[in-house]
Every structure is written in C-alpha cells, then in structure tokens.
C-alpha cells in the first residue's frame, strides 16, 4: 500500500471536519467532491462554490446567512480587542475573509482543520491561524514541510522523506532549526508511522568545511541533541552522507543517522524549497505540502500550483494530523 493510500485509510477511520474556504477555486471544489466521495472527511465549504455541487453531504456555509456568524464575530472581537481590533473590524474580517471564518469555526470546535492556499498567499493563509488558533503547547515555532514520496527509491523510508523547512521560515537561527527538527521528527512519526532519523543538512560533513553557515547547523545540532535527546538526529551532514550508506561509511562512519536519514532539515528556505522542487521534477516524486506543523489545530497551506489530487491528499493528511 502506498503512503497516501495508507493516509487515506487512516483518515476514513476517524472522519474529521475539514474546512475548505476557497470556494472560488474550481480545483478546490472538485477536490471537495472527490474527498467526500472517498469518505476521507466531512467537508465544509465556505461561500458559494464556483461550480455546482450536487452532493448534500458537503456542508456549504454562507457567512451572511449562517446562524453561527454573530457568535464568531463576537468571539473574534474578544480574542483580538487587546490588539486594537474593533467589533466592526471583526465583523468585516469574518464576513469578507473566509480564512478568518474557517479559523474561528476551528477555534470554537465546529470543525477540526483547514486546507487553504490554492489561490491565496501563505501569509493570507497562516496569519489568521496564528492570530486565532495559535501554536500548540510546548512549541515556539510554526514551520512547514513537504512529504516527499520518491518512486523506485531505496533511500529514506522506502523513498519517503520529510523535507523541512521548505515553505515558511526564510533563514532560521540555530535555535529555530532545532525546533524545526523536533517538529519534523514528530510529524514523520505521526504520518509515516516509522522511526524518524533526522539529518541536519549542510555543505559540510562533520567539520569538513568552515563557514558561518556551517557553524549555524553545528549549533542547531548541538541544541537539538541537548533539548530532544530521544530523537535520532545528527549533523552537520552533506546530503549524500545523510542518505547514502556507502558515502556515509567514508564521511561519517560513526553516525547512527548518516546513510539512513528520512527527515532532512535544510539550513534555510532557499535550500529547502529548491531541494523539494528538484526531487519533485527530476525524480517524478509526489510532493505533499507545504504541510504546517506547530499550530494547535491543523491548518495547511497549499501550493498555488497544486492539482486536484494534491488537494485531496492534503485533506487526508490534515485529517490524520487531527490525531
């Protein structure tokens, strides 16, 4: 069974309520129909769908007409008034920005997660989530990863990897890299159901080069090992040393991670984003994401180049994240 098929089986076992606030995007509406047909989640769409839906099992919320809207407006005002928000501003946001409406539904327990970003920026997707739902306990940073499924690949977990951060943190500090490593290990364990082996990537392997960029990764590795000793983690490692056992034998023979890594932590967003797109295009890999981690309830940001099947996959992943 493929990774995404297994995720879909798990999603069906505990159906969650997942909101799709981009009713204006045809791909999103088609994905809602497919996800419902596959019984992956109880789907909620906010706003009038741009194409007809002949399916009574999909809930369509029109904010101006829904009886919960006033409750959401008042609650948003209470949550944000100390930040200077007025009741009128809360009303405008809830009625005009469907992402705010979606996050308020999750905050108040009317739904379990949100999938957005097909036609909105990352900032427009995540800002309401961070303002309303906030970070989960014992987590100081929200980051993003891609789940990469590489065909005919013996590296990683039978070709399955997490690449992080590949969608959000531009130039993380050593402390942030350590937090990204911790969250990514947790995400791998939850979604792939295997032991995470985390490699802190660099252009250097265990001191083979000297540069401030290398020093940052060395410091991040030290912090992560001290704060999260139960995570199997090592660095700094070049990519080949991280995933190829033969290279690891010569470059990092004493490492428990080198040659077997399945969670790859990139030193910055440029490297992570370029890396996942190279693997996706050249190796014909499936790339699910960017999947966010660190938010108290799952809110996931789609790539604006996503396909209908990509969205269906992220709906299933979001459902499993609710666990």
C-alpha atoms as a PDB file:
ATOM      1  CA  UNK A   1       0.000   0.000   0.000  1.00  0.00           C
ATOM      2  CA  UNK A   2       1.345   3.408  -0.946  1.00  0.00           C
ATOM      3  CA  UNK A   3       1.925   6.148   1.608  1.00  0.00           C
ATOM      4  CA  UNK A   4      -1.038   8.255   0.518  1.00  0.00           C
ATOM      5  CA  UNK A   5      -3.319   5.200   0.355  1.00  0.00           C
ATOM      6  CA  UNK A   6      -2.397   4.396   3.944  1.00  0.00           C
ATOM      7  CA  UNK A   7      -3.071   8.005   4.959  1.00  0.00           C
ATOM      8  CA  UNK A   8      -6.493   7.811   3.307  1.00  0.00           C
ATOM      9  CA  UNK A   9      -7.317   4.597   5.199  1.00  0.00           C
ATOM     10  CA  UNK A  10      -6.418   6.304   8.475  1.00  0.00           C
ATOM     11  CA  UNK A  11      -8.438   9.397   7.551  1.00  0.00           C
ATOM     12  CA  UNK A  12     -11.519   7.247   6.885  1.00  0.00           C
ATOM     13  CA  UNK A  13     -11.228   5.534  10.260  1.00  0.00           C
ATOM     14  CA  UNK A  14     -11.725   8.784  12.195  1.00  0.00           C
ATOM     15  CA  UNK A  15     -13.517  11.169   9.886  1.00  0.00           C
ATOM     16  CA  UNK A  16     -12.809  14.782  10.783  1.00  0.00           C
ATOM     17  CA  UNK A  17     -14.478  18.007   9.765  1.00  0.00           C
ATOM     18  CA  UNK A  18     -12.154  19.765   7.337  1.00  0.00           C
ATOM     19  CA  UNK A  19     -12.879  23.268   6.019  1.00  0.00           C
ATOM     20  CA  UNK A  20     -12.065  24.453   2.508  1.00  0.00           C
ATOM     21  CA  UNK A  21     -12.501  28.240   2.483  1.00  0.00           C
ATOM     22  CA  UNK A  22     -11.570  28.760  -1.190  1.00  0.00           C
ATOM     23  CA  UNK A  23     -14.956  28.157  -2.792  1.00  0.00           C
ATOM     24  CA  UNK A  24     -13.887  30.466  -5.631  1.00  0.00           C
ATOM     25  CA  UNK A  25     -11.273  27.973  -6.921  1.00  0.00           C
ATOM     26  CA  UNK A  26     -12.524  25.209  -9.210  1.00  0.00           C
ATOM     27  CA  UNK A  27      -9.740  22.823  -8.162  1.00  0.00           C
ATOM     28  CA  UNK A  28     -10.765  23.144  -4.526  1.00  0.00           C
ATOM     29  CA  UNK A  29     -14.415  22.434  -5.238  1.00  0.00           C
ATOM     30  CA  UNK A  30     -13.538  19.401  -7.356  1.00  0.00           C
ATOM     31  CA  UNK A  31     -11.230  18.167  -4.578  1.00  0.00           C
ATOM     32  CA  UNK A  32     -14.052  18.604  -2.063  1.00  0.00           C
ATOM     33  CA  UNK A  33     -16.290  16.411  -4.200  1.00  0.00           C
ATOM     34  CA  UNK A  34     -13.600  13.717  -4.581  1.00  0.00           C
ATOM     35  CA  UNK A  35     -12.677  13.752  -0.884  1.00  0.00           C
ATOM     36  CA  UNK A  36     -16.327  13.358   0.003  1.00  0.00           C
ATOM     37  CA  UNK A  37     -16.785  10.521  -2.475  1.00  0.00           C
ATOM     38  CA  UNK A  38     -13.754   8.762  -0.958  1.00  0.00           C
ATOM     39  CA  UNK A  39     -15.210   9.375   2.526  1.00  0.00           C
ATOM     40  CA  UNK A  40     -11.969  10.975   3.734  1.00  0.00           C
ATOM     41  CA  UNK A  41     -13.567  13.716   5.830  1.00  0.00           C
ATOM     42  CA  UNK A  42     -16.730  15.665   6.484  1.00  0.00           C
ATOM     43  CA  UNK A  43     -16.149  18.556   4.103  1.00  0.00           C
ATOM     44  CA  UNK A  44     -17.207  22.131   4.800  1.00  0.00           C
ATOM     45  CA  UNK A  45     -17.006  24.768   2.053  1.00  0.00           C
ATOM     46  CA  UNK A  46     -17.341  28.459   2.894  1.00  0.00           C
ATOM     47  CA  UNK A  47     -19.081  30.623   0.295  1.00  0.00           C
ATOM     48  CA  UNK A  48     -20.960  29.782  -2.868  1.00  0.00           C
ATOM     49  CA  UNK A  49     -18.958  27.175  -4.846  1.00  0.00           C
ATOM     50  CA  UNK A  50     -17.774  28.385  -8.253  1.00  0.00           C
ATOM     51  CA  UNK A  51     -19.089  25.202  -9.853  1.00  0.00           C
ATOM     52  CA  UNK A  52     -22.293  23.350  -8.928  1.00  0.00           C
ATOM     53  CA  UNK A  53     -22.182  20.720  -6.191  1.00  0.00           C
ATOM     54  CA  UNK A  54     -24.874  18.075  -6.312  1.00  0.00           C
ATOM     55  CA  UNK A  55     -23.917  16.489  -3.022  1.00  0.00           C
ATOM     56  CA  UNK A  56     -25.886  17.036   0.153  1.00  0.00           C
ATOM     57  CA  UNK A  57     -23.121  15.525   2.290  1.00  0.00           C
ATOM     58  CA  UNK A  58     -20.902  18.566   1.713  1.00  0.00           C
ATOM     59  CA  UNK A  59     -21.778  21.416   4.042  1.00  0.00           C
ATOM     60  CA  UNK A  60     -21.835  24.832   2.387  1.00  0.00           C
ATOM     61  CA  UNK A  61     -21.709  27.838   4.716  1.00  0.00           C
ATOM     62  CA  UNK A  62     -22.806  31.266   3.519  1.00  0.00           C
ATOM     63  CA  UNK A  63     -21.431  33.604   6.215  1.00  0.00           C
ATOM     64  CA  UNK A  64     -24.139  36.236   5.770  1.00  0.00           C
ATOM     65  CA  UNK A  65     -26.822  33.598   6.370  1.00  0.00           C
ATOM     66  CA  UNK A  66     -25.317  31.224   8.930  1.00  0.00           C
ATOM     67  CA  UNK A  67     -26.665  31.390  12.479  1.00  0.00           C
ATOM     68  CA  UNK A  68     -23.154  30.974  13.935  1.00  0.00           C
ATOM     69  CA  UNK A  69     -21.753  34.093  12.275  1.00  0.00           C
ATOM     70  CA  UNK A  70     -22.633  36.526  15.058  1.00  0.00           C
ATOM     71  CA  UNK A  71     -21.031  34.200  17.605  1.00  0.00           C
ATOM     72  CA  UNK A  72     -17.844  34.080  15.512  1.00  0.00           C
ATOM     73  CA  UNK A  73     -17.743  37.861  15.154  1.00  0.00           C
ATOM     74  CA  UNK A  74     -18.145  38.463  18.885  1.00  0.00           C
ATOM     75  CA  UNK A  75     -15.584  35.818  19.783  1.00  0.00           C
ATOM     76  CA  UNK A  76     -13.029  37.204  17.320  1.00  0.00           C
ATOM     77  CA  UNK A  77     -13.527  40.653  18.825  1.00  0.00           C
ATOM     78  CA  UNK A  78     -12.963  39.257  22.330  1.00  0.00           C
ATOM     79  CA  UNK A  79      -9.807  37.451  21.185  1.00  0.00           C
ATOM     80  CA  UNK A  80      -8.280  40.452  19.405  1.00  0.00           C
ATOM     81  CA  UNK A  81      -9.606  43.562  21.170  1.00  0.00           C
ATOM     82  CA  UNK A  82      -6.439  43.893  23.257  1.00  0.00           C
ATOM     83  CA  UNK A  83      -4.564  44.107  19.956  1.00  0.00           C
ATOM     84  CA  UNK A  84      -6.769  47.049  18.963  1.00  0.00           C
ATOM     85  CA  UNK A  85      -9.439  45.268  16.922  1.00  0.00           C
ATOM     86  CA  UNK A  86     -12.889  46.848  16.981  1.00  0.00           C
ATOM     87  CA  UNK A  87     -16.170  44.977  16.737  1.00  0.00           C
ATOM     88  CA  UNK A  88     -16.725  46.482  13.294  1.00  0.00           C
ATOM     89  CA  UNK A  89     -13.322  45.258  12.119  1.00  0.00           C
ATOM     90  CA  UNK A  90     -14.066  41.781  13.464  1.00  0.00           C
ATOM     91  CA  UNK A  91     -17.351  41.751  11.558  1.00  0.00           C
ATOM     92  CA  UNK A  92     -15.667  42.825   8.334  1.00  0.00           C
ATOM     93  CA  UNK A  93     -12.990  40.133   8.617  1.00  0.00           C
ATOM     94  CA  UNK A  94     -15.405  37.318   9.395  1.00  0.00           C
ATOM     95  CA  UNK A  95     -17.760  38.247   6.550  1.00  0.00           C
ATOM     96  CA  UNK A  96     -15.177  39.073   3.885  1.00  0.00           C
ATOM     97  CA  UNK A  97     -12.169  36.837   4.625  1.00  0.00           C
ATOM     98  CA  UNK A  98     -13.243  33.211   4.613  1.00  0.00           C
ATOM     99  CA  UNK A  99      -9.945  32.119   6.203  1.00  0.00           C
ATOM    100  CA  UNK A 100     -10.869  34.058   9.342  1.00  0.00           C
ATOM    101  CA  UNK A 101     -14.295  32.433   9.290  1.00  0.00           C
ATOM    102  CA  UNK A 102     -12.687  28.995   8.943  1.00  0.00           C
ATOM    103  CA  UNK A 103     -10.216  29.537  11.777  1.00  0.00           C
ATOM    104  CA  UNK A 104     -12.963  30.775  14.079  1.00  0.00           C
ATOM    105  CA  UNK A 105     -15.002  27.633  13.346  1.00  0.00           C
ATOM    106  CA  UNK A 106     -11.984  25.516  14.329  1.00  0.00           C
ATOM    107  CA  UNK A 107     -11.278  27.661  17.399  1.00  0.00           C
ATOM    108  CA  UNK A 108     -14.823  27.173  18.676  1.00  0.00           C
ATOM    109  CA  UNK A 109     -14.902  23.435  17.943  1.00  0.00           C
ATOM    110  CA  UNK A 110     -17.233  23.435  14.942  1.00  0.00           C
ATOM    111  CA  UNK A 111     -14.502  21.868  12.775  1.00  0.00           C
ATOM    112  CA  UNK A 112     -11.135  20.142  13.142  1.00  0.00           C
ATOM    113  CA  UNK A 113      -8.832  21.576  10.467  1.00  0.00           C
ATOM    114  CA  UNK A 114      -8.429  23.848   7.449  1.00  0.00           C
ATOM    115  CA  UNK A 115      -6.896  23.420   3.993  1.00  0.00           C
ATOM    116  CA  UNK A 116      -6.291  26.610   2.017  1.00  0.00           C
ATOM    117  CA  UNK A 117      -3.722  28.349  -0.166  1.00  0.00           C
ATOM    118  CA  UNK A 118      -4.709  27.210  -3.674  1.00  0.00           C
ATOM    119  CA  UNK A 119      -5.383  30.815  -4.657  1.00  0.00           C
ATOM    120  CA  UNK A 120      -4.147  32.731  -1.619  1.00  0.00           C
ATOM    121  CA  UNK A 121      -0.653  33.510  -0.368  1.00  0.00           C
ATOM    122  CA  UNK A 122       0.980  31.757   2.563  1.00  0.00           C
ATOM    123  CA  UNK A 123       0.668  34.961   4.597  1.00  0.00           C
ATOM    124  CA  UNK A 124      -3.084  35.212   3.947  1.00  0.00           C
ATOM    125  CA  UNK A 125      -3.485  31.554   4.867  1.00  0.00           C
ATOM    126  CA  UNK A 126      -1.402  31.442   8.034  1.00  0.00           C
ATOM    127  CA  UNK A 127      -1.936  34.912   9.520  1.00  0.00           C
ATOM    128  CA  UNK A 128      -5.500  34.134  10.723  1.00  0.00           C
ATOM    129  CA  UNK A 129      -4.369  30.743  12.045  1.00  0.00           C
ATOM    130  CA  UNK A 130      -1.562  32.265  14.094  1.00  0.00           C
ATOM    131  CA  UNK A 131      -3.795  35.056  15.404  1.00  0.00           C
ATOM    132  CA  UNK A 132      -6.720  32.811  16.324  1.00  0.00           C
ATOM    133  CA  UNK A 133      -5.658  29.176  16.773  1.00  0.00           C
ATOM    134  CA  UNK A 134      -2.054  29.938  17.823  1.00  0.00           C
ATOM    135  CA  UNK A 135       0.788  27.475  18.431  1.00  0.00           C
ATOM    136  CA  UNK A 136       0.349  24.162  20.188  1.00  0.00           C
ATOM    137  CA  UNK A 137       1.654  23.615  23.730  1.00  0.00           C
ATOM    138  CA  UNK A 138       5.438  23.275  24.132  1.00  0.00           C
ATOM    139  CA  UNK A 139       6.007  24.608  20.611  1.00  0.00           C
ATOM    140  CA  UNK A 140       7.509  28.014  19.950  1.00  0.00           C
ATOM    141  CA  UNK A 141       7.626  27.977  16.164  1.00  0.00           C
ATOM    142  CA  UNK A 142       5.313  27.222  13.252  1.00  0.00           C
ATOM    143  CA  UNK A 143       7.173  25.696  10.321  1.00  0.00           C
ATOM    144  CA  UNK A 144       6.340  23.862   7.113  1.00  0.00           C
ATOM    145  CA  UNK A 145       7.464  20.672   5.419  1.00  0.00           C
ATOM    146  CA  UNK A 146       6.879  18.639   2.297  1.00  0.00           C
ATOM    147  CA  UNK A 147       6.207  14.932   2.403  1.00  0.00           C
ATOM    148  CA  UNK A 148       8.196  13.522  -0.500  1.00  0.00           C
ATOM    149  CA  UNK A 149       7.387  10.132  -1.984  1.00  0.00           C
ATOM    150  CA  UNK A 150      10.160   9.198  -4.418  1.00  0.00           C
ATOM    151  CA  UNK A 151       9.388   6.281  -6.776  1.00  0.00           C
ATOM    152  CA  UNK A 152      11.831   3.372  -7.129  1.00  0.00           C
ATOM    153  CA  UNK A 153      13.983   4.736  -4.317  1.00  0.00           C
ATOM    154  CA  UNK A 154      15.764   2.740  -1.615  1.00  0.00           C
ATOM    155  CA  UNK A 155      16.815   5.801   0.364  1.00  0.00           C
ATOM    156  CA  UNK A 156      14.928   7.212   3.334  1.00  0.00           C
ATOM    157  CA  UNK A 157      11.916   5.203   4.450  1.00  0.00           C
ATOM    158  CA  UNK A 158      11.482   3.268   1.190  1.00  0.00           C
ATOM    159  CA  UNK A 159      11.573   6.533  -0.708  1.00  0.00           C
ATOM    160  CA  UNK A 160       9.538   8.532   1.801  1.00  0.00           C
ATOM    161  CA  UNK A 161      11.038  11.675   3.329  1.00  0.00           C
ATOM    162  CA  UNK A 162      10.154  14.866   5.121  1.00  0.00           C
ATOM    163  CA  UNK A 163      11.898  17.979   3.761  1.00  0.00           C
ATOM    164  CA  UNK A 164      11.833  20.938   6.192  1.00  0.00           C
ATOM    165  CA  UNK A 165      11.553  23.854   6.315  1.00  0.00           C
ATOM    166  CA  UNK A 166      10.565  24.047   2.650  1.00  0.00           C
ATOM    167  CA  UNK A 167       7.756  26.556   2.829  1.00  0.00           C
ATOM    168  CA  UNK A 168       7.844  29.090   5.638  1.00  0.00           C
ATOM    169  CA  UNK A 169      10.978  30.009   7.651  1.00  0.00           C
ATOM    170  CA  UNK A 170      13.276  32.051   5.400  1.00  0.00           C
ATOM    171  CA  UNK A 171      16.558  31.959   7.328  1.00  0.00           C
ATOM    172  CA  UNK A 172      16.079  30.184  10.660  1.00  0.00           C
ATOM    173  CA  UNK A 173      18.512  30.668  13.510  1.00  0.00           C
ATOM    174  CA  UNK A 174      20.218  27.687  15.113  1.00  0.00           C
ATOM    175  CA  UNK A 175      17.513  27.651  17.789  1.00  0.00           C
ATOM    176  CA  UNK A 176      14.772  27.660  15.162  1.00  0.00           C
ATOM    177  CA  UNK A 177      16.477  24.902  13.172  1.00  0.00           C
ATOM    178  CA  UNK A 178      16.490  22.752  16.293  1.00  0.00           C
ATOM    179  CA  UNK A 179      12.769  23.406  16.806  1.00  0.00           C
ATOM    180  CA  UNK A 180      12.061  22.589  13.144  1.00  0.00           C
ATOM    181  CA  UNK A 181      13.961  19.314  13.587  1.00  0.00           C
ATOM    182  CA  UNK A 182      11.893  18.388  16.646  1.00  0.00           C
ATOM    183  CA  UNK A 183       8.562  19.194  14.989  1.00  0.00           C
ATOM    184  CA  UNK A 184       9.550  17.399  11.785  1.00  0.00           C
ATOM    185  CA  UNK A 185      10.512  14.254  13.687  1.00  0.00           C
ATOM    186  CA  UNK A 186       7.109  14.296  15.389  1.00  0.00           C
ATOM    187  CA  UNK A 187       5.356  14.815  12.057  1.00  0.00           C
ATOM    188  CA  UNK A 188       7.258  11.944  10.444  1.00  0.00           C
ATOM    189  CA  UNK A 189       6.392   9.595  13.293  1.00  0.00           C
ATOM    190  CA  UNK A 190       2.712  10.566  13.124  1.00  0.00           C
ATOM    191  CA  UNK A 191       2.261  10.444   9.362  1.00  0.00           C
ATOM    192  CA  UNK A 192       4.696   7.749   8.218  1.00  0.00           C
ATOM    193  CA  UNK A 193       4.437   5.645  11.400  1.00  0.00           C
ATOM    194  CA  UNK A 194       8.180   4.878  11.348  1.00  0.00           C
ATOM    195  CA  UNK A 195      11.174   5.952  13.397  1.00  0.00           C
ATOM    196  CA  UNK A 196      12.414   9.380  12.276  1.00  0.00           C
ATOM    197  CA  UNK A 197      16.123   9.677  11.500  1.00  0.00           C
ATOM    198  CA  UNK A 198      16.913  13.369  11.303  1.00  0.00           C
ATOM    199  CA  UNK A 199      19.808  14.839   9.307  1.00  0.00           C
ATOM    200  CA  UNK A 200      20.809  18.470   9.789  1.00  0.00           C
ATOM    201  CA  UNK A 201      21.982  19.292   6.263  1.00  0.00           C
ATOM    202  CA  UNK A 202      24.891  21.473   5.222  1.00  0.00           C
ATOM    203  CA  UNK A 203      27.566  21.716   2.509  1.00  0.00           C
ATOM    204  CA  UNK A 204      29.868  20.264   5.169  1.00  0.00           C
ATOM    205  CA  UNK A 205      30.021  16.877   6.880  1.00  0.00           C
ATOM    206  CA  UNK A 206      31.234  16.803  10.485  1.00  0.00           C
ATOM    207  CA  UNK A 207      33.741  19.619  10.128  1.00  0.00           C
ATOM    208  CA  UNK A 208      34.845  19.160   6.501  1.00  0.00           C
ATOM    209  CA  UNK A 209      34.257  22.884   5.825  1.00  0.00           C
ATOM    210  CA  UNK A 210      34.382  26.075   7.861  1.00  0.00           C
ATOM    211  CA  UNK A 211      31.882  28.897   7.362  1.00  0.00           C
ATOM    212  CA  UNK A 212      29.285  30.789   9.444  1.00  0.00           C
ATOM    213  CA  UNK A 213      26.534  28.864   7.617  1.00  0.00           C
ATOM    214  CA  UNK A 214      28.132  25.599   8.736  1.00  0.00           C
ATOM    215  CA  UNK A 215      28.530  26.903  12.270  1.00  0.00           C
ATOM    216  CA  UNK A 216      24.798  27.597  12.421  1.00  0.00           C
ATOM    217  CA  UNK A 217      23.977  23.980  11.572  1.00  0.00           C
ATOM    218  CA  UNK A 218      26.558  22.684  14.066  1.00  0.00           C
ATOM    219  CA  UNK A 219      24.974  24.830  16.783  1.00  0.00           C
ATOM    220  CA  UNK A 220      21.473  23.698  15.773  1.00  0.00           C
ATOM    221  CA  UNK A 221      22.556  20.061  16.028  1.00  0.00           C
ATOM    222  CA  UNK A 222      24.031  20.646  19.473  1.00  0.00           C
ATOM    223  CA  UNK A 223      20.862  22.392  20.697  1.00  0.00           C
ATOM    224  CA  UNK A 224      18.592  19.694  19.299  1.00  0.00           C
ATOM    225  CA  UNK A 225      20.603  16.864  20.837  1.00  0.00           C
ATOM    226  CA  UNK A 226      20.562  18.564  24.240  1.00  0.00           C
ATOM    227  CA  UNK A 227      16.870  19.518  24.204  1.00  0.00           C
ATOM    228  CA  UNK A 228      15.496  16.416  22.468  1.00  0.00           C
ATOM    229  CA  UNK A 229      17.783  13.512  23.365  1.00  0.00           C
ATOM    230  CA  UNK A 230      15.181  10.908  22.408  1.00  0.00           C
ATOM    231  CA  UNK A 231      15.286  11.955  18.731  1.00  0.00           C
ATOM    232  CA  UNK A 232      17.720  10.082  16.477  1.00  0.00           C
ATOM    233  CA  UNK A 233      19.494  13.110  14.984  1.00  0.00           C
ATOM    234  CA  UNK A 234      22.910  14.052  13.649  1.00  0.00           C
ATOM    235  CA  UNK A 235      24.722  16.785  11.774  1.00  0.00           C
ATOM    236  CA  UNK A 236      26.154  18.602  10.116  1.00  0.00           C
ATOM    237  CA  UNK A 237      25.804  16.251   7.134  1.00  0.00           C
ATOM    238  CA  UNK A 238      26.015  16.679   3.383  1.00  0.00           C
ATOM    239  CA  UNK A 239      23.042  15.249   1.514  1.00  0.00           C
ATOM    240  CA  UNK A 240      24.912  12.250   0.120  1.00  0.00           C
ATOM    241  CA  UNK A 241      26.299  11.370   3.541  1.00  0.00           C
ATOM    242  CA  UNK A 242      22.829  11.692   5.030  1.00  0.00           C
ATOM    243  CA  UNK A 243      21.028   9.255   2.729  1.00  0.00           C
ATOM    244  CA  UNK A 244      23.609   7.013   1.020  1.00  0.00           C
ATOM    245  CA  UNK A 245      25.069   4.236   3.230  1.00  0.00           C
ATOM    246  CA  UNK A 246      28.194   3.840   1.080  1.00  0.00           C
ATOM    247  CA  UNK A 247      29.038   7.538   1.254  1.00  0.00           C
ATOM    248  CA  UNK A 248      28.228   7.583   4.962  1.00  0.00           C
ATOM    249  CA  UNK A 249      30.782   4.829   5.602  1.00  0.00           C
ATOM    250  CA  UNK A 250      33.578   7.096   4.447  1.00  0.00           C
ATOM    251  CA  UNK A 251      32.299  10.521   5.528  1.00  0.00           C
ATOM    252  CA  UNK A 252      30.553   9.752   8.825  1.00  0.00           C
ATOM    253  CA  UNK A 253      31.314   6.155   9.861  1.00  0.00           C
ATOM    254  CA  UNK A 254      30.293   6.583  13.496  1.00  0.00           C
ATOM    255  CA  UNK A 255      26.960   8.294  12.872  1.00  0.00           C
ATOM    256  CA  UNK A 256      23.726   6.432  13.647  1.00  0.00           C
ATOM    257  CA  UNK A 257      21.845   8.661  11.196  1.00  0.00           C
ATOM    258  CA  UNK A 258      24.227   9.052   8.261  1.00  0.00           C
ATOM    259  CA  UNK A 259      23.225   6.863   5.339  1.00  0.00           C
ATOM    260  CA  UNK A 260      19.740   6.270   6.746  1.00  0.00           C
ATOM    261  CA  UNK A 261      18.151   9.722   7.153  1.00  0.00           C
ATOM    262  CA  UNK A 262      14.462  10.103   6.328  1.00  0.00           C
ATOM    263  CA  UNK A 263      13.909  13.602   7.780  1.00  0.00           C
ATOM    264  CA  UNK A 264      16.030  16.229   6.048  1.00  0.00           C
ATOM    265  CA  UNK A 265      16.406  19.613   7.754  1.00  0.00           C
ATOM    266  CA  UNK A 266      17.641  22.250   5.320  1.00  0.00           C
ATOM    267  CA  UNK A 267      19.678  25.234   6.553  1.00  0.00           C
ATOM    268  CA  UNK A 268      17.324  27.805   5.018  1.00  0.00           C
ATOM    269  CA  UNK A 269      14.181  28.199   2.916  1.00  0.00           C
ATOM    270  CA  UNK A 270      16.096  28.638  -0.354  1.00  0.00           C
ATOM    271  CA  UNK A 271      17.757  25.242   0.040  1.00  0.00           C
ATOM    272  CA  UNK A 272      14.587  23.518   1.213  1.00  0.00           C
ATOM    273  CA  UNK A 273      12.349  24.928  -1.498  1.00  0.00           C
ATOM    274  CA  UNK A 274      14.855  24.281  -4.292  1.00  0.00           C
ATOM    275  CA  UNK A 275      15.525  20.804  -2.935  1.00  0.00           C
ATOM    276  CA  UNK A 276      11.926  19.635  -2.886  1.00  0.00           C
ATOM    277  CA  UNK A 277      11.224  21.035  -6.359  1.00  0.00           C
ATOM    278  CA  UNK A 278      14.315  19.355  -7.815  1.00  0.00           C
ATOM    279  CA  UNK A 279      13.264  15.988  -6.425  1.00  0.00           C
ATOM    280  CA  UNK A 280       9.642  16.524  -7.469  1.00  0.00           C
ATOM    281  CA  UNK A 281      10.506  17.413 -11.076  1.00  0.00           C
ATOM    282  CA  UNK A 282      13.581  15.309 -11.797  1.00  0.00           C
ATOM    283  CA  UNK A 283      12.703  12.180  -9.812  1.00  0.00           C
ATOM    284  CA  UNK A 284       8.949  12.448 -10.562  1.00  0.00           C
ATOM    285  CA  UNK A 285       8.285  12.403  -6.816  1.00  0.00           C
ATOM    286  CA  UNK A 286       4.937  13.059  -5.191  1.00  0.00           C
ATOM    287  CA  UNK A 287       5.207  16.202  -3.078  1.00  0.00           C
ATOM    288  CA  UNK A 288       2.512  16.868  -0.474  1.00  0.00           C
ATOM    289  CA  UNK A 289       2.664  20.276   1.103  1.00  0.00           C
ATOM    290  CA  UNK A 290       3.598  22.656   2.372  1.00  0.00           C
ATOM    291  CA  UNK A 291       2.209  20.947   5.472  1.00  0.00           C
ATOM    292  CA  UNK A 292       2.355  23.163   8.530  1.00  0.00           C
ATOM    293  CA  UNK A 293       3.425  21.979  11.969  1.00  0.00           C
ATOM    294  CA  UNK A 294       3.302  23.685  15.318  1.00  0.00           C
ATOM    295  CA  UNK A 295      -0.232  25.119  15.119  1.00  0.00           C
ATOM    296  CA  UNK A 296      -2.620  23.962  17.856  1.00  0.00           C
ATOM    297  CA  UNK A 297      -5.038  22.579  15.232  1.00  0.00           C
ATOM    298  CA  UNK A 298      -4.000  21.588  11.694  1.00  0.00           C
ATOM    299  CA  UNK A 299      -4.120  24.405   9.144  1.00  0.00           C
ATOM    300  CA  UNK A 300      -2.393  23.567   5.880  1.00  0.00           C
ATOM    301  CA  UNK A 301      -1.192  25.860   3.144  1.00  0.00           C
ATOM    302  CA  UNK A 302      -1.430  24.503  -0.397  1.00  0.00           C
ATOM    303  CA  UNK A 303       0.964  25.394  -3.169  1.00  0.00           C
ATOM    304  CA  UNK A 304      -0.753  27.675  -5.654  1.00  0.00           C
ATOM    305  CA  UNK A 305       0.338  25.274  -8.382  1.00  0.00           C
ATOM    306  CA  UNK A 306      -1.456  22.343  -6.736  1.00  0.00           C
ATOM    307  CA  UNK A 307      -3.615  19.853  -8.605  1.00  0.00           C
ATOM    308  CA  UNK A 308      -6.988  18.479  -7.564  1.00  0.00           C
ATOM    309  CA  UNK A 309      -5.329  15.246  -6.429  1.00  0.00           C
ATOM    310  CA  UNK A 310      -2.752  17.218  -4.421  1.00  0.00           C
ATOM    311  CA  UNK A 311      -5.587  18.915  -2.531  1.00  0.00           C
ATOM    312  CA  UNK A 312      -7.330  15.596  -1.871  1.00  0.00           C
ATOM    313  CA  UNK A 313      -4.055  14.238  -0.472  1.00  0.00           C
ATOM    314  CA  UNK A 314      -3.588  17.234   1.820  1.00  0.00           C
ATOM    315  CA  UNK A 315      -7.192  16.890   3.042  1.00  0.00           C
ATOM    316  CA  UNK A 316      -6.388  13.309   4.060  1.00  0.00           C
ATOM    317  CA  UNK A 317      -3.107  14.346   5.709  1.00  0.00           C
ATOM    318  CA  UNK A 318      -4.870  17.134   7.594  1.00  0.00           C
ATOM    319  CA  UNK A 319      -7.421  14.649   8.897  1.00  0.00           C
ATOM    320  CA  UNK A 320      -4.655  12.395  10.208  1.00  0.00           C
ATOM    321  CA  UNK A 321      -2.883  15.384  11.810  1.00  0.00           C
ATOM    322  CA  UNK A 322      -6.011  15.883  13.913  1.00  0.00           C
ATOM    323  CA  UNK A 323      -4.986  12.768  15.855  1.00  0.00           C
END
